[in-house]
Amino acid sequence: MLLGAWPEISWTRGKFARWRALATRGCRTGRAVASVRRTRKDREMSRSLLLRIAAALSLITAIGHTIGTFMPVPPDQMQMHSAIGVMKATLVPMPVGPSRSYMDLLDGNNLCTSVLLLLCAALLFGVAKAGKEKTADGVIVATALALAAVSLLSFVYFFPVPGAFTGIAAALALLARARGARAA
């Protein structure tokens, strides 16, 4: 669609005249084209956007992990119910305090993982707002390394979805860090 076809805008005078002059440069017909070539900087995702996407992936993983922790086991999975029964019955002596069952330890570990993922999301959202400050770079790198470790452990011990989400979040955070270092 040609921009010159819009009747309500005057392209020959006023605030649109300069833009039309830039948009029609090199056109034989002298008519404005719909798209103006964008610079490389316009096409690149900003550091803030990359950090927000990484934070959103970490947040989605935290929510999914928390929901998965408390999902009931379907009644037809008898082996799973017997394993859970054994975990609840087996007590582990603690160095301080009362003994805990393996199920208590598993639930506590799952909740700690959810808290870690929420913390990573909060840190990434926070540094996305901070801009290109030097102190934000250390937070980005530390958070990205933590997410990369969670990703590796998820692939090795669990299943690929949280591993992929946290791995992409770590890569995006490191890419945002690199863009910030290049711009500085």
C-alpha atoms as a PDB file:
ATOM      1  CA  MET A   1       0.000   0.000   0.000  1.00  0.00           C
ATOM      2  CA  LEU A   2       1.336   3.410  -0.910  1.00  0.00           C
ATOM      3  CA  LEU A   3       1.335   6.064   1.762  1.00  0.00           C
ATOM      4  CA  GLY A   4       0.542   8.791  -0.760  1.00  0.00           C
ATOM      5  CA  ALA A   5      -2.898   7.202  -1.206  1.00  0.00           C
ATOM      6  CA  TRP A   6      -4.080   8.412   2.221  1.00  0.00           C
ATOM      7  CA  PRO A   7      -6.226  11.489   1.487  1.00  0.00           C
ATOM      8  CA  GLU A   8      -6.423  12.852   5.050  1.00  0.00           C
ATOM      9  CA  ILE A   9      -2.672  13.527   5.323  1.00  0.00           C
ATOM     10  CA  SER A  10      -0.953  16.296   3.388  1.00  0.00           C
ATOM     11  CA  TRP A  11       2.376  14.938   2.214  1.00  0.00           C
ATOM     12  CA  THR A  12       3.562  18.102   0.496  1.00  0.00           C
ATOM     13  CA  ARG A  13       3.653  20.474   3.478  1.00  0.00           C
ATOM     14  CA  GLY A  14       3.641  20.353   7.250  1.00  0.00           C
ATOM     15  CA  LYS A  15       5.225  17.842   9.548  1.00  0.00           C
ATOM     16  CA  PHE A  16       4.967  14.942   7.069  1.00  0.00           C
ATOM     17  CA  ALA A  17       6.879  16.684   4.251  1.00  0.00           C
ATOM     18  CA  ARG A  18      10.325  15.866   5.659  1.00  0.00           C
ATOM     19  CA  TRP A  19       9.405  12.215   6.232  1.00  0.00           C
ATOM     20  CA  ARG A  20       8.047  11.961   2.672  1.00  0.00           C
ATOM     21  CA  ALA A  21      11.251  13.428   1.313  1.00  0.00           C
ATOM     22  CA  LEU A  22      13.225  10.750   3.143  1.00  0.00           C
ATOM     23  CA  ALA A  23      10.842   7.944   2.198  1.00  0.00           C
ATOM     24  CA  THR A  24      10.730   8.805  -1.506  1.00  0.00           C
ATOM     25  CA  ARG A  25      14.480   9.228  -1.964  1.00  0.00           C
ATOM     26  CA  GLY A  26      15.493   7.006  -4.847  1.00  0.00           C
ATOM     27  CA  CYS A  27      11.898   6.320  -6.006  1.00  0.00           C
ATOM     28  CA  ARG A  28      11.266   7.153  -9.674  1.00  0.00           C
ATOM     29  CA  THR A  29       7.579   7.844  -9.168  1.00  0.00           C
ATOM     30  CA  GLY A  30       8.112  10.190  -6.228  1.00  0.00           C
ATOM     31  CA  ARG A  31       5.475   8.390  -4.193  1.00  0.00           C
ATOM     32  CA  ALA A  32       6.123   7.324  -0.616  1.00  0.00           C
ATOM     33  CA  VAL A  33       6.537   3.634   0.049  1.00  0.00           C
ATOM     34  CA  ALA A  34       4.890   1.862   2.965  1.00  0.00           C
ATOM     35  CA  SER A  35       8.049   0.635   4.627  1.00  0.00           C
ATOM     36  CA  VAL A  36      11.191   2.595   5.197  1.00  0.00           C
ATOM     37  CA  ARG A  37      14.397   0.609   5.546  1.00  0.00           C
ATOM     38  CA  ARG A  38      15.108   0.180   9.227  1.00  0.00           C
ATOM     39  CA  THR A  39      18.567   0.356  10.666  1.00  0.00           C
ATOM     40  CA  ARG A  40      20.233  -2.661  12.242  1.00  0.00           C
ATOM     41  CA  LYS A  41      19.751  -1.119  15.681  1.00  0.00           C
ATOM     42  CA  ASP A  42      15.982  -0.910  15.088  1.00  0.00           C
ATOM     43  CA  ARG A  43      15.809  -4.613  14.188  1.00  0.00           C
ATOM     44  CA  GLU A  44      17.745  -5.832  17.229  1.00  0.00           C
ATOM     45  CA  MET A  45      15.883  -6.617  20.401  1.00  0.00           C
ATOM     46  CA  SER A  46      16.767  -4.224  23.166  1.00  0.00           C
ATOM     47  CA  ARG A  47      18.601  -5.345  26.264  1.00  0.00           C
ATOM     48  CA  SER A  48      15.557  -4.555  28.387  1.00  0.00           C
ATOM     49  CA  LEU A  49      13.270  -6.672  26.193  1.00  0.00           C
ATOM     50  CA  LEU A  50      15.667  -9.638  26.263  1.00  0.00           C
ATOM     51  CA  LEU A  51      15.822  -9.445  30.062  1.00  0.00           C
ATOM     52  CA  ARG A  52      12.039  -9.242  30.328  1.00  0.00           C
ATOM     53  CA  ILE A  53      11.616 -12.310  28.104  1.00  0.00           C
ATOM     54  CA  ALA A  54      14.177 -14.200  30.203  1.00  0.00           C
ATOM     55  CA  ALA A  55      12.353 -13.134  33.372  1.00  0.00           C
ATOM     56  CA  ALA A  56       9.001 -14.239  31.948  1.00  0.00           C
ATOM     57  CA  LEU A  57      10.412 -17.670  31.040  1.00  0.00           C
ATOM     58  CA  SER A  58      11.821 -18.027  34.549  1.00  0.00           C
ATOM     59  CA  LEU A  59       8.472 -16.986  36.030  1.00  0.00           C
ATOM     60  CA  ILE A  60       6.547 -19.461  33.846  1.00  0.00           C
ATOM     61  CA  THR A  61       8.940 -22.222  34.912  1.00  0.00           C
ATOM     62  CA  ALA A  62       8.486 -21.298  38.596  1.00  0.00           C
ATOM     63  CA  ILE A  63       4.701 -21.357  38.288  1.00  0.00           C
ATOM     64  CA  GLY A  64       4.743 -24.674  36.420  1.00  0.00           C
ATOM     65  CA  HIS A  65       7.146 -26.174  38.949  1.00  0.00           C
ATOM     66  CA  THR A  66       5.008 -25.082  41.898  1.00  0.00           C
ATOM     67  CA  ILE A  67       1.814 -26.378  40.304  1.00  0.00           C
ATOM     68  CA  GLY A  68       3.518 -29.671  39.431  1.00  0.00           C
ATOM     69  CA  THR A  69       4.723 -30.072  43.013  1.00  0.00           C
ATOM     70  CA  PHE A  70       1.207 -30.035  44.407  1.00  0.00           C
ATOM     71  CA  MET A  71      -0.662 -31.845  41.626  1.00  0.00           C
ATOM     72  CA  PRO A  72      -2.447 -34.936  42.906  1.00  0.00           C
ATOM     73  CA  VAL A  73      -1.282 -38.292  41.618  1.00  0.00           C
ATOM     74  CA  PRO A  74      -3.940 -39.985  39.474  1.00  0.00           C
ATOM     75  CA  PRO A  75      -5.576 -42.918  41.295  1.00  0.00           C
ATOM     76  CA  ASP A  76      -4.741 -45.386  38.516  1.00  0.00           C
ATOM     77  CA  GLN A  77      -0.966 -44.990  39.042  1.00  0.00           C
ATOM     78  CA  MET A  78      -0.595 -47.545  41.815  1.00  0.00           C
ATOM     79  CA  GLN A  79       3.209 -47.755  41.626  1.00  0.00           C
ATOM     80  CA  MET A  80       3.444 -44.022  42.192  1.00  0.00           C
ATOM     81  CA  HIS A  81       1.149 -44.233  45.232  1.00  0.00           C
ATOM     82  CA  SER A  82       3.203 -47.038  46.732  1.00  0.00           C
ATOM     83  CA  ALA A  83       6.433 -45.087  46.159  1.00  0.00           C
ATOM     84  CA  ILE A  84       4.922 -42.005  47.822  1.00  0.00           C
ATOM     85  CA  GLY A  85       3.814 -44.193  50.745  1.00  0.00           C
ATOM     86  CA  VAL A  86       7.365 -45.504  51.175  1.00  0.00           C
ATOM     87  CA  MET A  87       8.765 -41.949  50.986  1.00  0.00           C
ATOM     88  CA  LYS A  88       6.318 -40.756  53.652  1.00  0.00           C
ATOM     89  CA  ALA A  89       7.115 -43.711  55.914  1.00  0.00           C
ATOM     90  CA  THR A  90      10.916 -43.517  55.621  1.00  0.00           C
ATOM     91  CA  LEU A  91      12.351 -41.089  58.159  1.00  0.00           C
ATOM     92  CA  VAL A  92      15.714 -39.394  57.800  1.00  0.00           C
ATOM     93  CA  PRO A  93      17.460 -38.311  61.025  1.00  0.00           C
ATOM     94  CA  MET A  94      18.366 -34.623  60.918  1.00  0.00           C
ATOM     95  CA  PRO A  95      21.481 -33.272  62.643  1.00  0.00           C
ATOM     96  CA  VAL A  96      19.315 -30.728  64.464  1.00  0.00           C
ATOM     97  CA  GLY A  97      15.600 -31.057  65.103  1.00  0.00           C
ATOM     98  CA  PRO A  98      13.153 -33.871  64.488  1.00  0.00           C
ATOM     99  CA  SER A  99      13.496 -36.533  61.808  1.00  0.00           C
ATOM    100  CA  ARG A 100      11.921 -35.803  58.440  1.00  0.00           C
ATOM    101  CA  SER A 101      10.433 -38.122  55.863  1.00  0.00           C
ATOM    102  CA  TYR A 102      11.842 -38.333  52.360  1.00  0.00           C
ATOM    103  CA  MET A 103       8.576 -36.818  51.151  1.00  0.00           C
ATOM    104  CA  ASP A 104       9.088 -33.784  53.410  1.00  0.00           C
ATOM    105  CA  LEU A 105      12.603 -33.375  52.032  1.00  0.00           C
ATOM    106  CA  LEU A 106      11.344 -33.653  48.444  1.00  0.00           C
ATOM    107  CA  ASP A 107       8.564 -31.096  49.011  1.00  0.00           C
ATOM    108  CA  GLY A 108      10.998 -28.707  50.700  1.00  0.00           C
ATOM    109  CA  ASN A 109      13.474 -29.091  47.861  1.00  0.00           C
ATOM    110  CA  ASN A 110      10.736 -28.450  45.290  1.00  0.00           C
ATOM    111  CA  LEU A 111       9.628 -25.297  47.104  1.00  0.00           C
ATOM    112  CA  CYS A 112      13.234 -24.071  47.333  1.00  0.00           C
ATOM    113  CA  THR A 113      13.556 -24.530  43.561  1.00  0.00           C
ATOM    114  CA  SER A 114      10.365 -22.519  43.007  1.00  0.00           C
ATOM    115  CA  VAL A 115      11.691 -19.737  45.251  1.00  0.00           C
ATOM    116  CA  LEU A 116      15.003 -19.716  43.345  1.00  0.00           C
ATOM    117  CA  LEU A 117      13.181 -19.412  40.016  1.00  0.00           C
ATOM    118  CA  LEU A 118      10.992 -16.600  41.379  1.00  0.00           C
ATOM    119  CA  LEU A 119      14.094 -14.813  42.650  1.00  0.00           C
ATOM    120  CA  CYS A 120      15.735 -15.125  39.219  1.00  0.00           C
ATOM    121  CA  ALA A 121      12.616 -13.690  37.573  1.00  0.00           C
ATOM    122  CA  ALA A 122      12.492 -10.794  40.052  1.00  0.00           C
ATOM    123  CA  LEU A 123      16.190 -10.025  39.567  1.00  0.00           C
ATOM    124  CA  LEU A 124      15.869 -10.062  35.785  1.00  0.00           C
ATOM    125  CA  PHE A 125      12.788  -7.828  35.870  1.00  0.00           C
ATOM    126  CA  GLY A 126      14.665  -5.484  38.216  1.00  0.00           C
ATOM    127  CA  VAL A 127      17.786  -5.178  36.071  1.00  0.00           C
ATOM    128  CA  ALA A 128      15.621  -4.721  32.974  1.00  0.00           C
ATOM    129  CA  LYS A 129      14.373  -1.510  34.599  1.00  0.00           C
ATOM    130  CA  ALA A 130      17.847  -0.509  35.811  1.00  0.00           C
ATOM    131  CA  GLY A 131      19.132   0.173  32.328  1.00  0.00           C
ATOM    132  CA  LYS A 132      22.794  -0.160  31.443  1.00  0.00           C
ATOM    133  CA  GLU A 133      24.318   0.336  34.862  1.00  0.00           C
ATOM    134  CA  LYS A 134      27.587  -1.463  35.520  1.00  0.00           C
ATOM    135  CA  THR A 135      26.317  -3.081  38.738  1.00  0.00           C
ATOM    136  CA  ALA A 136      23.417  -4.654  36.838  1.00  0.00           C
ATOM    137  CA  ASP A 137      25.873  -6.637  34.697  1.00  0.00           C
ATOM    138  CA  GLY A 138      27.075  -8.689  37.678  1.00  0.00           C
ATOM    139  CA  VAL A 139      23.502  -9.470  38.674  1.00  0.00           C
ATOM    140  CA  ILE A 140      22.696 -10.517  35.097  1.00  0.00           C
ATOM    141  CA  VAL A 141      25.697 -12.847  34.883  1.00  0.00           C
ATOM    142  CA  ALA A 142      25.038 -14.430  38.298  1.00  0.00           C
ATOM    143  CA  THR A 143      21.367 -14.957  37.478  1.00  0.00           C
ATOM    144  CA  ALA A 144      22.176 -16.370  34.055  1.00  0.00           C
ATOM    145  CA  LEU A 145      24.659 -18.829  35.556  1.00  0.00           C
ATOM    146  CA  ALA A 146      22.089 -19.952  38.143  1.00  0.00           C
ATOM    147  CA  LEU A 147      19.493 -20.466  35.410  1.00  0.00           C
ATOM    148  CA  ALA A 148      22.020 -22.360  33.277  1.00  0.00           C
ATOM    149  CA  ALA A 149      22.768 -24.679  36.216  1.00  0.00           C
ATOM    150  CA  VAL A 150      19.042 -25.274  36.784  1.00  0.00           C
ATOM    151  CA  SER A 151      18.698 -25.992  33.065  1.00  0.00           C
ATOM    152  CA  LEU A 152      21.513 -28.544  33.078  1.00  0.00           C
ATOM    153  CA  LEU A 153      20.142 -30.274  36.176  1.00  0.00           C
ATOM    154  CA  SER A 154      16.643 -30.321  34.679  1.00  0.00           C
ATOM    155  CA  PHE A 155      17.887 -32.013  31.515  1.00  0.00           C
ATOM    156  CA  VAL A 156      19.950 -34.562  33.445  1.00  0.00           C
ATOM    157  CA  TYR A 157      17.557 -35.453  36.272  1.00  0.00           C
ATOM    158  CA  PHE A 158      14.057 -34.385  35.239  1.00  0.00           C
ATOM    159  CA  PHE A 159      12.544 -33.588  31.842  1.00  0.00           C
ATOM    160  CA  PRO A 160      13.302 -31.181  28.992  1.00  0.00           C
ATOM    161  CA  VAL A 161      10.584 -28.487  29.295  1.00  0.00           C
ATOM    162  CA  PRO A 162      11.952 -26.694  32.388  1.00  0.00           C
ATOM    163  CA  GLY A 163      15.456 -27.312  31.081  1.00  0.00           C
ATOM    164  CA  ALA A 164      14.629 -25.618  27.792  1.00  0.00           C
ATOM    165  CA  PHE A 165      12.841 -22.666  29.417  1.00  0.00           C
ATOM    166  CA  THR A 166      15.604 -21.960  31.925  1.00  0.00           C
ATOM    167  CA  GLY A 167      18.307 -22.569  29.306  1.00  0.00           C
ATOM    168  CA  ILE A 168      16.719 -20.059  26.920  1.00  0.00           C
ATOM    169  CA  ALA A 169      16.291 -17.613  29.808  1.00  0.00           C
ATOM    170  CA  ALA A 170      19.999 -17.960  30.667  1.00  0.00           C
ATOM    171  CA  ALA A 171      21.032 -17.466  27.039  1.00  0.00           C
ATOM    172  CA  LEU A 172      18.823 -14.381  26.674  1.00  0.00           C
ATOM    173  CA  ALA A 173      20.213 -12.894  29.886  1.00  0.00           C
ATOM    174  CA  LEU A 174      23.785 -13.423  28.687  1.00  0.00           C
ATOM    175  CA  LEU A 175      22.893 -11.955  25.278  1.00  0.00           C
ATOM    176  CA  ALA A 176      21.405  -8.920  27.015  1.00  0.00           C
ATOM    177  CA  ARG A 177      24.589  -8.603  29.074  1.00  0.00           C
ATOM    178  CA  ALA A 178      26.683  -8.734  25.905  1.00  0.00           C
ATOM    179  CA  ARG A 179      24.526  -6.067  24.259  1.00  0.00           C
ATOM    180  CA  GLY A 180      24.922  -3.862  27.308  1.00  0.00           C
ATOM    181  CA  ALA A 181      28.706  -4.290  27.279  1.00  0.00           C
ATOM    182  CA  ARG A 182      28.843  -3.489  23.553  1.00  0.00           C
ATOM    183  CA  ALA A 183      26.729  -0.333  23.985  1.00  0.00           C
ATOM    184  CA  ALA A 184      28.821   0.941  26.905  1.00  0.00           C
END
